[in-house]
N, C-alpha and C. Protein backbone atom coordinates (compact mmCIF):
# COMPACT_ATOMS: atom_id res chain seq x y z
N MET A 1 0.84 -1.16 0.00
CA MET A 1 0.00 0.00 0.00
C MET A 1 0.89 1.23 0.00
N ARG A 2 0.46 2.22 -0.71
CA ARG A 2 1.19 3.48 -0.74
C ARG A 2 0.32 4.57 -0.13
N ILE A 3 0.97 5.49 0.57
CA ILE A 3 0.28 6.63 1.14
C ILE A 3 1.03 7.90 0.75
N GLU A 4 0.27 8.90 0.37
CA GLU A 4 0.86 10.19 0.03
C GLU A 4 0.44 11.20 1.09
N LEU A 5 1.43 11.83 1.71
CA LEU A 5 1.20 12.85 2.73
C LEU A 5 1.92 14.11 2.31
N ASP A 6 1.21 15.21 2.19
CA ASP A 6 1.81 16.49 1.82
C ASP A 6 2.68 16.39 0.58
N GLY A 7 2.26 15.57 -0.39
CA GLY A 7 2.97 15.49 -1.65
C GLY A 7 4.07 14.45 -1.71
N GLY A 8 4.44 13.82 -0.59
CA GLY A 8 5.48 12.79 -0.59
C GLY A 8 4.86 11.41 -0.46
N ALA A 9 5.19 10.48 -1.37
CA ALA A 9 4.64 9.13 -1.35
C ALA A 9 5.54 8.19 -0.56
N HIS A 10 4.93 7.29 0.20
CA HIS A 10 5.65 6.33 1.03
C HIS A 10 5.03 4.95 0.84
N LEU A 11 5.87 3.93 0.76
CA LEU A 11 5.42 2.55 0.63
C LEU A 11 5.29 1.96 2.02
N LEU A 12 4.10 1.43 2.35
CA LEU A 12 3.87 0.76 3.62
C LEU A 12 3.85 -0.74 3.39
N ALA A 13 4.59 -1.46 4.20
CA ALA A 13 4.63 -2.92 4.12
C ALA A 13 3.66 -3.49 5.15
N GLU A 14 3.44 -4.79 5.09
CA GLU A 14 2.56 -5.46 6.04
C GLU A 14 2.99 -5.15 7.47
N GLY A 15 2.05 -4.72 8.30
CA GLY A 15 2.34 -4.40 9.69
C GLY A 15 2.79 -2.97 9.94
N ASP A 16 3.04 -2.20 8.89
CA ASP A 16 3.45 -0.80 9.06
C ASP A 16 2.27 0.06 9.48
N SER A 17 2.58 1.20 10.09
CA SER A 17 1.58 2.17 10.51
C SER A 17 1.96 3.55 10.01
N ALA A 18 0.97 4.39 9.86
CA ALA A 18 1.21 5.79 9.51
C ALA A 18 0.38 6.65 10.44
N PHE A 19 1.02 7.61 11.07
CA PHE A 19 0.35 8.53 11.99
C PHE A 19 0.54 9.94 11.46
N PHE A 20 -0.55 10.69 11.38
CA PHE A 20 -0.44 12.08 10.94
C PHE A 20 -1.61 12.87 11.51
N ALA A 21 -1.39 14.15 11.64
CA ALA A 21 -2.41 15.03 12.22
C ALA A 21 -3.57 15.22 11.25
N GLY A 22 -4.73 15.48 11.82
CA GLY A 22 -5.89 15.78 11.00
C GLY A 22 -5.64 17.03 10.18
N GLY A 23 -6.24 17.09 9.03
CA GLY A 23 -6.08 18.25 8.16
C GLY A 23 -4.91 18.14 7.20
N VAL A 24 -4.07 17.12 7.36
CA VAL A 24 -2.94 16.92 6.44
C VAL A 24 -3.49 16.30 5.15
N PRO A 25 -3.25 16.94 4.00
CA PRO A 25 -3.71 16.34 2.74
C PRO A 25 -3.08 14.96 2.57
N HIS A 26 -3.90 13.95 2.26
CA HIS A 26 -3.39 12.59 2.13
C HIS A 26 -4.29 11.78 1.19
N ARG A 27 -3.73 10.68 0.71
CA ARG A 27 -4.47 9.69 -0.06
C ARG A 27 -3.70 8.38 0.02
N TRP A 28 -4.37 7.27 -0.22
CA TRP A 28 -3.69 5.99 -0.22
C TRP A 28 -4.22 5.14 -1.36
N TRP A 29 -3.40 4.17 -1.81
CA TRP A 29 -3.77 3.30 -2.91
C TRP A 29 -2.87 2.07 -2.91
N THR A 30 -3.27 1.07 -3.69
CA THR A 30 -2.45 -0.13 -3.88
C THR A 30 -2.10 -0.23 -5.35
N ASP A 31 -1.07 -0.98 -5.63
CA ASP A 31 -0.65 -1.23 -7.02
C ASP A 31 -1.22 -2.56 -7.49
N ASP A 32 -2.54 -2.62 -7.63
CA ASP A 32 -3.26 -3.81 -8.12
C ASP A 32 -3.19 -5.01 -7.20
N ALA A 33 -2.80 -4.84 -5.94
CA ALA A 33 -2.76 -5.95 -4.99
C ALA A 33 -3.88 -5.75 -3.96
N PRO A 34 -4.54 -6.82 -3.55
CA PRO A 34 -5.56 -6.67 -2.52
C PRO A 34 -4.92 -6.20 -1.21
N ALA A 35 -5.65 -5.44 -0.44
CA ALA A 35 -5.11 -4.92 0.82
C ALA A 35 -6.23 -4.71 1.81
N ARG A 36 -5.88 -4.75 3.08
CA ARG A 36 -6.81 -4.42 4.15
C ARG A 36 -6.24 -3.22 4.88
N LEU A 37 -7.12 -2.31 5.21
CA LEU A 37 -6.70 -1.07 5.85
C LEU A 37 -7.59 -0.82 7.05
N LEU A 38 -6.97 -0.57 8.19
CA LEU A 38 -7.71 -0.22 9.40
C LEU A 38 -7.42 1.24 9.70
N VAL A 39 -8.46 2.05 9.72
CA VAL A 39 -8.32 3.48 9.99
C VAL A 39 -8.87 3.75 11.39
N VAL A 40 -8.07 4.40 12.21
CA VAL A 40 -8.49 4.79 13.55
C VAL A 40 -8.42 6.30 13.63
N LYS A 41 -9.52 6.90 14.01
CA LYS A 41 -9.56 8.36 14.13
C LYS A 41 -9.74 8.71 15.59
N GLU A 42 -8.86 9.56 16.10
CA GLU A 42 -8.95 9.99 17.49
C GLU A 42 -9.58 11.37 17.52
N THR A 43 -10.58 11.52 18.37
CA THR A 43 -11.19 12.82 18.56
C THR A 43 -10.70 13.38 19.88
N VAL A 44 -10.14 14.55 19.82
CA VAL A 44 -9.62 15.20 21.03
C VAL A 44 -10.55 16.35 21.39
N ARG A 45 -11.07 16.30 22.60
CA ARG A 45 -11.94 17.37 23.06
C ARG A 45 -11.10 18.57 23.48
N PRO A 46 -11.56 19.77 23.19
CA PRO A 46 -10.81 20.97 23.58
C PRO A 46 -10.46 20.95 25.06
N GLY A 47 -9.21 21.28 25.37
CA GLY A 47 -8.75 21.32 26.76
C GLY A 47 -8.31 20.00 27.34
N HIS A 48 -8.39 18.91 26.54
CA HIS A 48 -8.01 17.59 27.05
C HIS A 48 -6.70 17.08 26.48
N GLY A 49 -6.07 17.80 25.58
CA GLY A 49 -4.77 17.39 25.04
C GLY A 49 -4.86 16.09 24.25
N MET A 50 -3.70 15.58 23.90
CA MET A 50 -3.62 14.37 23.10
C MET A 50 -3.44 13.12 23.94
N GLY A 51 -3.28 13.26 25.25
CA GLY A 51 -3.07 12.09 26.09
C GLY A 51 -1.62 11.65 26.05
N PRO A 52 -1.26 10.63 26.85
CA PRO A 52 0.14 10.19 26.90
C PRO A 52 0.55 9.50 25.61
N SER A 53 1.80 9.68 25.26
CA SER A 53 2.34 8.98 24.11
C SER A 53 3.08 7.75 24.61
N LEU A 54 3.47 6.89 23.67
CA LEU A 54 4.21 5.69 24.06
C LEU A 54 5.56 6.07 24.66
N GLN A 55 6.12 7.20 24.25
CA GLN A 55 7.41 7.63 24.78
C GLN A 55 7.31 8.07 26.23
N ASP A 56 6.10 8.43 26.68
CA ASP A 56 5.90 8.86 28.06
C ASP A 56 5.82 7.70 29.04
N ARG A 57 5.75 6.49 28.54
CA ARG A 57 5.57 5.31 29.42
C ARG A 57 6.88 4.73 29.83
C-alpha cells in the first residue's frame, strides 16, 4: 500500500503504521494488490490534550 502525505509518497509494508495530524492532505492506494486497511480516528476534546504517548511510558 502506498500513502501520500503532503505530496510525498511512502510505501507501507505489512504491519506498518502511519500517523499524521488531521487536516494533512493525504491519499492511499495499492498497485493492483488486494489490501486491508484499518483506519483509527482519534477525537480530542478541547482542553483535554492528546493524552500520553508511548514515549511517556
